[in-house]
Amino acid sequence: MEFTMGSLPVANVQALAAVSRDVPERYIRPEAGAHPVVADCGVDIPVIDFSRFLDPNSSRDESSKLHLACQNWGFFQVAYMSTLINHTVPKEVIEKMKLDVREFFQLPLEEKRQLAQVTGDVQGYGQLFVVSKDQKLDWADVLYLNTQPAPERCLRFIDIINTCMELFFAVTCSYYCTLTVDSNLRAALDNYSVELKNLADRLLEIMAKNLELNPDVVTDKFKVGIQSIRFNYYPPCPQADKVLGFSQHSDADLITLVLQVNQVQGLQIKRSGEWFPVKPLPGAFIVNVGDIFEVNPPLNSSCAPTSDVLLRVCNLLRKI
């Protein structure tokens, strides 16, 4: 039997949230309240100051801090603490990507449906890994795209996005005549994905040195891999305490970089049997060391076991 990766079509959560205060049964998750988050615990995931890697007097100490963060948590935030602007990723690249993400999810539903996932492919607009009509669902809509290397991109999606956004902006500008918008999402994705690759390369190089390994031992793991970007939208929910925006999981990759478009807290990390809230710093990336590190010696000594460290998104905004 041939295996194809794809996802069954499901209802649009943003549309559900707009028309009803009732949450369909498929989205009700008893486990959402079964394991509450530890509140006011005084424990935060480690913060790595990227600027300290650039200073010979502090780089060794910050490298040791990164090593402990990987071993003890498997998560950390990375920021350029002098200004809280991200590490090596230019602020204007991040802000442009945030703007385009917000504007995409503001598009009319009929426009976004032009990007719906097709059979056998997870790329596109919908939800990921829905394999059964009885499966519990996340309270989220997702746009998932492969971004690197270039041959892995589905340019049909990018072209449709650009067309939809240009039409949307044309309508918007008729009401707000002073609004000027660059709707070239392809350029924004190009710049953003390249900068993320550069940041990931730099982090992995430091992590390899912490293990006294040649950096090629780490970077070779994803030379033939794919960089993908997942845009998650979590609509306000009338029963926010009974749904999950993102079910608990570990990431089956080498490394994940998470950027929040706003500062609403929802991401949580399970460590040593307890759930902790992640308090995102403005302009910082949250970094998750993925499963590939655990299953690939000699890398597996560098991070906390993924069986002990999980993540989820809950405590979503409540719809009034």
C-alpha atoms as a PDB file:
ATOM      1  CA  MET A   1       0.000   0.000   0.000  1.00  0.00           C
ATOM      2  CA  GLU A   2       1.461   3.339  -1.024  1.00  0.00           C
ATOM      3  CA  PHE A   3       1.681   5.920   1.756  1.00  0.00           C
ATOM      4  CA  THR A   4       0.778   9.498   0.993  1.00  0.00           C
ATOM      5  CA  MET A   5       0.992  12.341   3.453  1.00  0.00           C
ATOM      6  CA  GLY A   6      -2.067  14.531   3.500  1.00  0.00           C
ATOM      7  CA  SER A   7      -4.970  15.750   5.575  1.00  0.00           C
ATOM      8  CA  LEU A   8      -8.745  15.451   5.344  1.00  0.00           C
ATOM      9  CA  PRO A   9     -10.655  18.703   4.774  1.00  0.00           C
ATOM     10  CA  VAL A  10     -12.346  20.118   7.880  1.00  0.00           C
ATOM     11  CA  ALA A  11     -14.439  23.157   8.764  1.00  0.00           C
ATOM     12  CA  ASN A  12     -12.756  26.539   8.940  1.00  0.00           C
ATOM     13  CA  VAL A  13     -12.342  27.461  12.613  1.00  0.00           C
ATOM     14  CA  GLN A  14     -12.235  31.205  11.975  1.00  0.00           C
ATOM     15  CA  ALA A  15     -15.624  30.940  10.258  1.00  0.00           C
ATOM     16  CA  LEU A  16     -17.049  28.767  13.064  1.00  0.00           C
ATOM     17  CA  ALA A  17     -15.948  31.281  15.683  1.00  0.00           C
ATOM     18  CA  ALA A  18     -17.570  34.141  13.761  1.00  0.00           C
ATOM     19  CA  VAL A  19     -21.084  32.667  13.556  1.00  0.00           C
ATOM     20  CA  SER A  20     -21.653  30.607  16.701  1.00  0.00           C
ATOM     21  CA  ARG A  21     -20.972  30.537  20.430  1.00  0.00           C
ATOM     22  CA  ASP A  22     -21.258  26.728  20.427  1.00  0.00           C
ATOM     23  CA  VAL A  23     -18.064  24.734  20.012  1.00  0.00           C
ATOM     24  CA  PRO A  24     -18.564  21.528  17.976  1.00  0.00           C
ATOM     25  CA  GLU A  25     -17.872  18.303  19.862  1.00  0.00           C
ATOM     26  CA  ARG A  26     -14.848  17.446  17.723  1.00  0.00           C
ATOM     27  CA  TYR A  27     -13.011  20.435  19.215  1.00  0.00           C
ATOM     28  CA  ILE A  28     -13.853  19.755  22.878  1.00  0.00           C
ATOM     29  CA  ARG A  29     -10.738  18.351  24.545  1.00  0.00           C
ATOM     30  CA  PRO A  30     -11.150  16.962  28.091  1.00  0.00           C
ATOM     31  CA  GLU A  31      -7.381  16.925  28.510  1.00  0.00           C
ATOM     32  CA  ALA A  32      -7.241  20.718  28.120  1.00  0.00           C
ATOM     33  CA  GLY A  33      -8.206  21.208  31.756  1.00  0.00           C
ATOM     34  CA  ALA A  34      -6.992  17.888  33.122  1.00  0.00           C
ATOM     35  CA  HIS A  35      -3.390  19.037  33.446  1.00  0.00           C
ATOM     36  CA  PRO A  36      -3.421  22.718  34.367  1.00  0.00           C
ATOM     37  CA  VAL A  37      -0.435  24.967  33.817  1.00  0.00           C
ATOM     38  CA  VAL A  38       1.769  25.842  36.777  1.00  0.00           C
ATOM     39  CA  ALA A  39       0.928  29.471  37.524  1.00  0.00           C
ATOM     40  CA  ASP A  40       3.350  31.965  39.044  1.00  0.00           C
ATOM     41  CA  CYS A  41       5.966  29.263  39.397  1.00  0.00           C
ATOM     42  CA  GLY A  42       8.887  31.659  38.959  1.00  0.00           C
ATOM     43  CA  VAL A  43      10.381  29.322  36.350  1.00  0.00           C
ATOM     44  CA  ASP A  44      10.952  30.505  32.775  1.00  0.00           C
ATOM     45  CA  ILE A  45      12.625  28.785  29.865  1.00  0.00           C
ATOM     46  CA  PRO A  46      16.230  29.963  29.426  1.00  0.00           C
ATOM     47  CA  VAL A  47      16.943  33.103  27.410  1.00  0.00           C
ATOM     48  CA  ILE A  48      20.029  33.096  25.214  1.00  0.00           C
ATOM     49  CA  ASP A  49      21.480  36.519  24.435  1.00  0.00           C
ATOM     50  CA  PHE A  50      22.828  36.243  20.907  1.00  0.00           C
ATOM     51  CA  SER A  51      24.870  39.416  21.257  1.00  0.00           C
ATOM     52  CA  ARG A  52      27.086  37.645  23.799  1.00  0.00           C
ATOM     53  CA  PHE A  53      28.228  35.165  21.144  1.00  0.00           C
ATOM     54  CA  LEU A  54      29.726  38.115  19.282  1.00  0.00           C
ATOM     55  CA  ASP A  55      31.854  39.171  22.254  1.00  0.00           C
ATOM     56  CA  PRO A  56      34.996  37.035  22.876  1.00  0.00           C
ATOM     57  CA  ASN A  57      34.751  37.872  26.578  1.00  0.00           C
ATOM     58  CA  SER A  58      31.263  36.393  26.969  1.00  0.00           C
ATOM     59  CA  SER A  59      30.839  33.884  24.139  1.00  0.00           C
ATOM     60  CA  ARG A  60      32.115  30.908  26.157  1.00  0.00           C
ATOM     61  CA  ASP A  61      29.737  31.577  29.055  1.00  0.00           C
ATOM     62  CA  GLU A  62      26.779  32.010  26.707  1.00  0.00           C
ATOM     63  CA  SER A  63      27.701  28.813  24.849  1.00  0.00           C
ATOM     64  CA  SER A  64      27.678  26.935  28.162  1.00  0.00           C
ATOM     65  CA  LYS A  65      24.285  28.452  28.969  1.00  0.00           C
ATOM     66  CA  LEU A  66      22.961  27.295  25.597  1.00  0.00           C
ATOM     67  CA  HIS A  67      24.316  23.788  26.209  1.00  0.00           C
ATOM     68  CA  LEU A  68      22.544  23.553  29.583  1.00  0.00           C
ATOM     69  CA  ALA A  69      19.327  24.894  28.059  1.00  0.00           C
ATOM     70  CA  CYS A  70      19.389  22.129  25.451  1.00  0.00           C
ATOM     71  CA  GLN A  71      20.211  19.422  27.981  1.00  0.00           C
ATOM     72  CA  ASN A  72      17.790  20.473  30.718  1.00  0.00           C
ATOM     73  CA  TRP A  73      14.925  21.962  28.732  1.00  0.00           C
ATOM     74  CA  GLY A  74      15.176  21.305  25.012  1.00  0.00           C
ATOM     75  CA  PHE A  75      13.754  24.828  24.661  1.00  0.00           C
ATOM     76  CA  PHE A  76      15.100  28.356  24.910  1.00  0.00           C
ATOM     77  CA  GLN A  77      14.440  31.854  23.665  1.00  0.00           C
ATOM     78  CA  VAL A  78      17.083  33.565  21.598  1.00  0.00           C
ATOM     79  CA  ALA A  79      17.201  37.354  21.441  1.00  0.00           C
ATOM     80  CA  TYR A  80      19.607  40.224  20.958  1.00  0.00           C
ATOM     81  CA  MET A  81      19.178  41.545  24.466  1.00  0.00           C
ATOM     82  CA  SER A  82      20.718  44.982  24.004  1.00  0.00           C
ATOM     83  CA  THR A  83      17.652  46.050  21.994  1.00  0.00           C
ATOM     84  CA  LEU A  84      15.499  42.896  22.133  1.00  0.00           C
ATOM     85  CA  ILE A  85      15.844  42.672  18.371  1.00  0.00           C
ATOM     86  CA  ASN A  86      16.387  39.191  17.097  1.00  0.00           C
ATOM     87  CA  HIS A  87      19.915  37.906  16.917  1.00  0.00           C
ATOM     88  CA  THR A  88      20.907  37.811  13.250  1.00  0.00           C
ATOM     89  CA  VAL A  89      17.438  38.228  11.717  1.00  0.00           C
ATOM     90  CA  PRO A  90      16.802  41.864  10.687  1.00  0.00           C
ATOM     91  CA  LYS A  91      13.862  43.499  12.420  1.00  0.00           C
ATOM     92  CA  GLU A  92      12.364  44.727   9.149  1.00  0.00           C
ATOM     93  CA  VAL A  93      12.258  41.153   7.777  1.00  0.00           C
ATOM     94  CA  ILE A  94      10.377  39.944  10.848  1.00  0.00           C
ATOM     95  CA  GLU A  95       7.946  42.860  10.911  1.00  0.00           C
ATOM     96  CA  LYS A  96       7.152  42.421   7.208  1.00  0.00           C
ATOM     97  CA  MET A  97       6.457  38.722   7.773  1.00  0.00           C
ATOM     98  CA  LYS A  98       4.196  39.501  10.751  1.00  0.00           C
ATOM     99  CA  LEU A  99       2.287  42.057   8.703  1.00  0.00           C
ATOM    100  CA  ASP A 100       1.748  39.645   5.822  1.00  0.00           C
ATOM    101  CA  VAL A 101       0.587  36.866   8.156  1.00  0.00           C
ATOM    102  CA  ARG A 102      -1.994  39.125   9.799  1.00  0.00           C
ATOM    103  CA  GLU A 103      -3.236  40.326   6.438  1.00  0.00           C
ATOM    104  CA  PHE A 104      -3.491  36.820   5.001  1.00  0.00           C
ATOM    105  CA  PHE A 105      -5.785  35.641   7.791  1.00  0.00           C
ATOM    106  CA  GLN A 106      -7.927  38.767   7.310  1.00  0.00           C
ATOM    107  CA  LEU A 107      -8.681  37.731   3.734  1.00  0.00           C
ATOM    108  CA  PRO A 108     -12.247  36.606   2.958  1.00  0.00           C
ATOM    109  CA  LEU A 109     -12.706  32.859   3.431  1.00  0.00           C
ATOM    110  CA  GLU A 110     -13.480  32.265  -0.243  1.00  0.00           C
ATOM    111  CA  GLU A 111     -10.103  33.761  -1.131  1.00  0.00           C
ATOM    112  CA  LYS A 112      -8.205  31.657   1.397  1.00  0.00           C
ATOM    113  CA  ARG A 113      -9.969  28.516   0.183  1.00  0.00           C
ATOM    114  CA  GLN A 114      -8.145  28.870  -3.121  1.00  0.00           C
ATOM    115  CA  LEU A 115      -5.138  27.613  -1.160  1.00  0.00           C
ATOM    116  CA  ALA A 116      -6.898  24.586   0.333  1.00  0.00           C
ATOM    117  CA  GLN A 117      -4.785  21.464   0.746  1.00  0.00           C
ATOM    118  CA  VAL A 118      -5.131  18.847  -1.960  1.00  0.00           C
ATOM    119  CA  THR A 119      -5.170  15.074  -1.531  1.00  0.00           C
ATOM    120  CA  GLY A 120      -1.777  13.682  -0.628  1.00  0.00           C
ATOM    121  CA  ASP A 121      -0.139  17.003   0.258  1.00  0.00           C
ATOM    122  CA  VAL A 122       0.038  18.832   3.587  1.00  0.00           C
ATOM    123  CA  GLN A 123       0.979  22.120   1.938  1.00  0.00           C
ATOM    124  CA  GLY A 124      -1.778  24.691   1.793  1.00  0.00           C
ATOM    125  CA  TYR A 125      -4.573  26.054   3.972  1.00  0.00           C
ATOM    126  CA  GLY A 126      -6.529  23.869   6.389  1.00  0.00           C
ATOM    127  CA  GLN A 127      -5.374  21.632   9.256  1.00  0.00           C
ATOM    128  CA  LEU A 128      -2.502  19.170   9.336  1.00  0.00           C
ATOM    129  CA  PHE A 129      -2.584  15.403   9.811  1.00  0.00           C
ATOM    130  CA  VAL A 130      -6.351  14.926  10.001  1.00  0.00           C
ATOM    131  CA  VAL A 131      -6.695  11.260   9.066  1.00  0.00           C
ATOM    132  CA  SER A 132     -10.150  10.345  10.441  1.00  0.00           C
ATOM    133  CA  LYS A 133     -13.615  11.886  10.474  1.00  0.00           C
ATOM    134  CA  ASP A 134     -13.805  11.029  14.179  1.00  0.00           C
ATOM    135  CA  GLN A 135     -10.457  12.599  15.077  1.00  0.00           C
ATOM    136  CA  LYS A 136     -10.408  15.391  17.658  1.00  0.00           C
ATOM    137  CA  LEU A 137      -9.396  18.702  16.102  1.00  0.00           C
ATOM    138  CA  ASP A 138      -7.335  21.706  17.133  1.00  0.00           C
ATOM    139  CA  TRP A 139      -8.993  25.111  17.452  1.00  0.00           C
ATOM    140  CA  ALA A 140      -6.821  26.623  14.724  1.00  0.00           C
ATOM    141  CA  ASP A 141      -6.482  27.279  11.028  1.00  0.00           C
ATOM    142  CA  VAL A 142      -3.124  26.592   9.393  1.00  0.00           C
ATOM    143  CA  LEU A 143      -1.238  27.690   6.311  1.00  0.00           C
ATOM    144  CA  TYR A 144       1.679  25.314   5.704  1.00  0.00           C
ATOM    145  CA  LEU A 145       4.346  25.913   3.053  1.00  0.00           C
ATOM    146  CA  ASN A 146       7.707  24.438   2.139  1.00  0.00           C
ATOM    147  CA  THR A 147      10.194  27.291   1.761  1.00  0.00           C
ATOM    148  CA  GLN A 148      13.700  25.857   1.398  1.00  0.00           C
ATOM    149  CA  PRO A 149      15.294  24.633  -0.797  1.00  0.00           C
ATOM    150  CA  ALA A 150      13.621  26.503  -3.639  1.00  0.00           C
ATOM    151  CA  PRO A 151      12.692  23.387  -5.693  1.00  0.00           C
ATOM    152  CA  GLU A 152      10.512  22.174  -2.783  1.00  0.00           C
ATOM    153  CA  ARG A 153       8.278  25.241  -2.933  1.00  0.00           C
ATOM    154  CA  CYS A 154       4.835  25.050  -4.451  1.00  0.00           C
ATOM    155  CA  LEU A 155       4.815  28.331  -6.348  1.00  0.00           C
ATOM    156  CA  ARG A 156       1.136  27.870  -7.185  1.00  0.00           C
ATOM    157  CA  PHE A 157       0.318  28.652  -3.559  1.00  0.00           C
ATOM    158  CA  ILE A 158       2.542  31.734  -3.470  1.00  0.00           C
ATOM    159  CA  ASP A 159       1.084  33.077  -6.706  1.00  0.00           C
ATOM    160  CA  ILE A 160      -2.479  32.576  -5.431  1.00  0.00           C
ATOM    161  CA  ILE A 161      -1.619  34.283  -2.126  1.00  0.00           C
ATOM    162  CA  ASN A 162      -0.177  37.283  -3.932  1.00  0.00           C
ATOM    163  CA  THR A 163      -3.234  37.542  -6.199  1.00  0.00           C
ATOM    164  CA  CYS A 164      -5.682  37.238  -3.293  1.00  0.00           C
ATOM    165  CA  MET A 165      -3.843  39.792  -1.203  1.00  0.00           C
ATOM    166  CA  GLU A 166      -3.622  42.258  -4.086  1.00  0.00           C
ATOM    167  CA  LEU A 167      -7.406  42.009  -4.587  1.00  0.00           C
ATOM    168  CA  PHE A 168      -8.004  42.365  -0.855  1.00  0.00           C
ATOM    169  CA  PHE A 169      -5.742  45.399  -0.639  1.00  0.00           C
ATOM    170  CA  ALA A 170      -7.455  47.003  -3.627  1.00  0.00           C
ATOM    171  CA  VAL A 171     -10.758  46.839  -1.728  1.00  0.00           C
ATOM    172  CA  THR A 172      -9.136  47.999   1.490  1.00  0.00           C
ATOM    173  CA  CYS A 173      -7.465  50.961  -0.174  1.00  0.00           C
ATOM    174  CA  SER A 174     -10.778  52.176  -1.534  1.00  0.00           C
ATOM    175  CA  TYR A 175     -11.799  52.792   2.066  1.00  0.00           C
ATOM    176  CA  TYR A 176      -8.441  53.926   3.397  1.00  0.00           C
ATOM    177  CA  CYS A 177      -6.921  55.970   0.631  1.00  0.00           C
ATOM    178  CA  THR A 178      -3.695  56.681   2.504  1.00  0.00           C
ATOM    179  CA  LEU A 179      -2.870  52.984   2.981  1.00  0.00           C
ATOM    180  CA  THR A 180       0.175  51.776   1.070  1.00  0.00           C
ATOM    181  CA  VAL A 181       0.788  48.020   1.016  1.00  0.00           C
ATOM    182  CA  ASP A 182       3.500  45.834  -0.470  1.00  0.00           C
ATOM    183  CA  SER A 183       1.654  42.580  -1.108  1.00  0.00           C
ATOM    184  CA  ASN A 184       4.603  40.605  -2.446  1.00  0.00           C
ATOM    185  CA  LEU A 185       4.422  37.729   0.018  1.00  0.00           C
ATOM    186  CA  ARG A 186       6.844  35.702  -2.070  1.00  0.00           C
ATOM    187  CA  ALA A 187       9.613  38.247  -1.422  1.00  0.00           C
ATOM    188  CA  ALA A 188       8.753  38.344   2.273  1.00  0.00           C
ATOM    189  CA  LEU A 189       8.887  34.543   2.495  1.00  0.00           C
ATOM    190  CA  ASP A 190      12.152  34.459   0.558  1.00  0.00           C
ATOM    191  CA  ASN A 191      13.819  36.929   2.907  1.00  0.00           C
ATOM    192  CA  TYR A 192      12.361  35.412   6.052  1.00  0.00           C
ATOM    193  CA  SER A 193      13.217  31.804   5.170  1.00  0.00           C
ATOM    194  CA  VAL A 194      16.802  32.696   4.230  1.00  0.00           C
ATOM    195  CA  GLU A 195      17.317  34.592   7.490  1.00  0.00           C
ATOM    196  CA  LEU A 196      15.851  31.714   9.508  1.00  0.00           C
ATOM    197  CA  LYS A 197      18.199  29.295   7.758  1.00  0.00           C
ATOM    198  CA  ASN A 198      21.153  31.517   8.648  1.00  0.00           C
ATOM    199  CA  LEU A 199      20.068  31.700  12.290  1.00  0.00           C
ATOM    200  CA  ALA A 200      19.499  27.935  12.489  1.00  0.00           C
ATOM    201  CA  ASP A 201      22.935  27.306  10.938  1.00  0.00           C
ATOM    202  CA  ARG A 202      24.588  29.552  13.518  1.00  0.00           C
ATOM    203  CA  LEU A 203      22.781  27.958  16.453  1.00  0.00           C
ATOM    204  CA  LEU A 204      23.553  24.442  15.245  1.00  0.00           C
ATOM    205  CA  GLU A 205      27.206  25.349  14.778  1.00  0.00           C
ATOM    206  CA  ILE A 206      27.420  26.507  18.401  1.00  0.00           C
ATOM    207  CA  MET A 207      25.555  23.416  19.608  1.00  0.00           C
ATOM    208  CA  ALA A 208      27.996  21.196  17.697  1.00  0.00           C
ATOM    209  CA  LYS A 209      30.990  22.935  19.252  1.00  0.00           C
ATOM    210  CA  ASN A 210      29.437  22.428  22.678  1.00  0.00           C
ATOM    211  CA  LEU A 211      29.481  18.701  21.894  1.00  0.00           C
ATOM    212  CA  GLU A 212      33.090  18.946  20.678  1.00  0.00           C
ATOM    213  CA  LEU A 213      31.935  17.922  17.221  1.00  0.00           C
ATOM    214  CA  ASN A 214      32.716  19.205  13.766  1.00  0.00           C
ATOM    215  CA  PRO A 215      29.725  21.421  12.830  1.00  0.00           C
ATOM    216  CA  ASP A 216      29.332  19.357   9.657  1.00  0.00           C
ATOM    217  CA  VAL A 217      28.153  16.441  11.806  1.00  0.00           C
ATOM    218  CA  VAL A 218      25.063  18.497  12.638  1.00  0.00           C
ATOM    219  CA  THR A 219      24.526  20.460   9.427  1.00  0.00           C
ATOM    220  CA  ASP A 220      24.828  17.300   7.310  1.00  0.00           C
ATOM    221  CA  LYS A 221      21.626  16.095   8.961  1.00  0.00           C
ATOM    222  CA  PHE A 222      19.559  18.598   7.037  1.00  0.00           C
ATOM    223  CA  LYS A 223      21.509  19.178   3.826  1.00  0.00           C
ATOM    224  CA  VAL A 224      18.888  17.097   2.029  1.00  0.00           C
ATOM    225  CA  GLY A 225      16.085  18.198   4.335  1.00  0.00           C
ATOM    226  CA  ILE A 226      13.243  20.653   3.857  1.00  0.00           C
ATOM    227  CA  GLN A 227      12.566  23.905   5.646  1.00  0.00           C
ATOM    228  CA  SER A 228       8.859  24.516   6.099  1.00  0.00           C
ATOM    229  CA  ILE A 229       6.880  27.335   7.676  1.00  0.00           C
ATOM    230  CA  ARG A 230       3.622  26.775   9.498  1.00  0.00           C
ATOM    231  CA  PHE A 231       1.378  29.790  10.091  1.00  0.00           C
ATOM    232  CA  ASN A 232      -1.108  29.069  12.898  1.00  0.00           C
ATOM    233  CA  TYR A 233      -4.172  31.220  13.565  1.00  0.00           C
ATOM    234  CA  TYR A 234      -6.059  30.673  16.842  1.00  0.00           C
ATOM    235  CA  PRO A 235      -9.452  32.449  16.744  1.00  0.00           C
ATOM    236  CA  PRO A 236     -10.988  33.621  20.031  1.00  0.00           C
ATOM    237  CA  CYS A 237     -13.161  30.841  21.447  1.00  0.00           C
ATOM    238  CA  PRO A 238     -16.379  31.003  23.541  1.00  0.00           C
ATOM    239  CA  GLN A 239     -15.168  27.958  25.536  1.00  0.00           C
ATOM    240  CA  ALA A 240     -11.456  28.652  25.542  1.00  0.00           C
ATOM    241  CA  ASP A 241     -10.784  26.411  28.539  1.00  0.00           C
ATOM    242  CA  LYS A 242     -12.147  23.348  26.711  1.00  0.00           C
ATOM    243  CA  VAL A 243     -10.160  23.480  23.465  1.00  0.00           C
ATOM    244  CA  LEU A 244      -6.541  23.203  22.388  1.00  0.00           C
ATOM    245  CA  GLY A 245      -5.039  25.423  19.736  1.00  0.00           C
ATOM    246  CA  PHE A 246      -2.291  22.868  19.177  1.00  0.00           C
ATOM    247  CA  SER A 247      -2.435  19.370  20.718  1.00  0.00           C
ATOM    248  CA  GLN A 248       0.460  18.253  22.883  1.00  0.00           C
ATOM    249  CA  HIS A 249       3.350  16.940  20.806  1.00  0.00           C
ATOM    250  CA  SER A 250       7.076  16.926  20.248  1.00  0.00           C
ATOM    251  CA  ASP A 251       8.539  18.255  17.005  1.00  0.00           C
ATOM    252  CA  ALA A 252       9.800  15.544  14.646  1.00  0.00           C
ATOM    253  CA  ASP A 253      12.528  17.689  13.142  1.00  0.00           C
ATOM    254  CA  LEU A 254      16.031  18.946  13.856  1.00  0.00           C
ATOM    255  CA  ILE A 255      15.191  22.393  15.180  1.00  0.00           C
ATOM    256  CA  THR A 256      12.077  24.608  15.281  1.00  0.00           C
ATOM    257  CA  LEU A 257      12.070  28.411  15.481  1.00  0.00           C
ATOM    258  CA  VAL A 258       8.799  29.896  16.755  1.00  0.00           C
ATOM    259  CA  LEU A 259       7.904  33.554  16.262  1.00  0.00           C
ATOM    260  CA  GLN A 260       4.740  34.935  17.856  1.00  0.00           C
ATOM    261  CA  VAL A 261       2.950  37.630  15.899  1.00  0.00           C
ATOM    262  CA  ASN A 262       1.612  39.099  19.151  1.00  0.00           C
ATOM    263  CA  GLN A 263       2.393  38.702  22.852  1.00  0.00           C
ATOM    264  CA  VAL A 264      -0.712  36.677  23.783  1.00  0.00           C
ATOM    265  CA  GLN A 265       0.439  33.787  25.957  1.00  0.00           C
ATOM    266  CA  GLY A 266      -0.739  30.337  24.900  1.00  0.00           C
ATOM    267  CA  LEU A 267       2.333  28.220  24.216  1.00  0.00           C
ATOM    268  CA  GLN A 268       3.096  25.825  27.070  1.00  0.00           C
ATOM    269  CA  ILE A 269       5.902  23.358  27.702  1.00  0.00           C
ATOM    270  CA  LYS A 270       5.637  20.138  29.690  1.00  0.00           C
ATOM    271  CA  ARG A 271       8.759  19.406  31.703  1.00  0.00           C
ATOM    272  CA  SER A 272       9.172  16.877  34.516  1.00  0.00           C
ATOM    273  CA  GLY A 273       5.449  16.144  34.406  1.00  0.00           C
ATOM    274  CA  GLU A 274       4.254  19.762  34.762  1.00  0.00           C
ATOM    275  CA  TRP A 275       3.075  22.342  32.221  1.00  0.00           C
ATOM    276  CA  PHE A 276       4.818  25.720  32.230  1.00  0.00           C
ATOM    277  CA  PRO A 277       3.714  28.845  30.333  1.00  0.00           C
ATOM    278  CA  VAL A 278       6.103  30.383  27.833  1.00  0.00           C
ATOM    279  CA  LYS A 279       6.368  34.152  28.205  1.00  0.00           C
ATOM    280  CA  PRO A 280       7.593  35.352  24.803  1.00  0.00           C
ATOM    281  CA  LEU A 281      10.009  38.252  24.721  1.00  0.00           C
ATOM    282  CA  PRO A 282       9.294  40.938  22.130  1.00  0.00           C
ATOM    283  CA  GLY A 283      11.328  40.219  19.015  1.00  0.00           C
ATOM    284  CA  ALA A 284      12.653  36.863  20.243  1.00  0.00           C
ATOM    285  CA  PHE A 285      12.456  33.400  18.716  1.00  0.00           C
ATOM    286  CA  ILE A 286      11.468  30.422  20.837  1.00  0.00           C
ATOM    287  CA  VAL A 287      13.699  27.511  19.834  1.00  0.00           C
ATOM    288  CA  ASN A 288      12.692  23.875  20.200  1.00  0.00           C
ATOM    289  CA  VAL A 289      15.297  21.142  19.782  1.00  0.00           C
ATOM    290  CA  GLY A 290      13.562  18.426  17.758  1.00  0.00           C
ATOM    291  CA  ASP A 291      13.279  14.644  17.855  1.00  0.00           C
ATOM    292  CA  ILE A 292      16.086  14.137  15.334  1.00  0.00           C
ATOM    293  CA  PHE A 293      18.579  15.124  18.024  1.00  0.00           C
ATOM    294  CA  GLU A 294      17.263  12.395  20.314  1.00  0.00           C
ATOM    295  CA  VAL A 295      17.481   9.586  17.755  1.00  0.00           C
ATOM    296  CA  ASN A 296      20.846  10.488  16.175  1.00  0.00           C
ATOM    297  CA  PRO A 297      23.991   9.671  18.180  1.00  0.00           C
ATOM    298  CA  PRO A 298      26.196  11.479  19.077  1.00  0.00           C
ATOM    299  CA  LEU A 299      23.651  14.316  19.050  1.00  0.00           C
ATOM    300  CA  ASN A 300      21.277  12.712  21.538  1.00  0.00           C
ATOM    301  CA  SER A 301      23.410  13.699  24.524  1.00  0.00           C
ATOM    302  CA  SER A 302      22.810  17.356  23.667  1.00  0.00           C
ATOM    303  CA  CYS A 303      19.122  17.736  24.513  1.00  0.00           C
ATOM    304  CA  ALA A 304      16.413  16.769  26.944  1.00  0.00           C
ATOM    305  CA  PRO A 305      14.545  13.576  25.923  1.00  0.00           C
ATOM    306  CA  THR A 306      11.497  14.483  23.862  1.00  0.00           C
ATOM    307  CA  SER A 307       9.512  11.876  25.766  1.00  0.00           C
ATOM    308  CA  ASP A 308       9.893  14.120  28.833  1.00  0.00           C
ATOM    309  CA  VAL A 309       9.473  17.492  27.089  1.00  0.00           C
ATOM    310  CA  LEU A 310       6.274  18.260  25.141  1.00  0.00           C
ATOM    311  CA  LEU A 311       4.519  21.414  23.975  1.00  0.00           C
ATOM    312  CA  ARG A 312       0.949  22.539  23.351  1.00  0.00           C
ATOM    313  CA  VAL A 313      -1.046  25.722  22.735  1.00  0.00           C
ATOM    314  CA  CYS A 314      -4.042  26.374  24.975  1.00  0.00           C
ATOM    315  CA  ASN A 315      -5.602  29.047  27.192  1.00  0.00           C
ATOM    316  CA  LEU A 316      -6.718  30.801  24.030  1.00  0.00           C
ATOM    317  CA  LEU A 317      -8.446  34.160  24.006  1.00  0.00           C
ATOM    318  CA  ARG A 318     -12.057  33.868  25.081  1.00  0.00           C
ATOM    319  CA  LYS A 319     -14.689  35.148  22.659  1.00  0.00           C
ATOM    320  CA  ILE A 320     -16.959  37.620  24.433  1.00  0.00           C
END
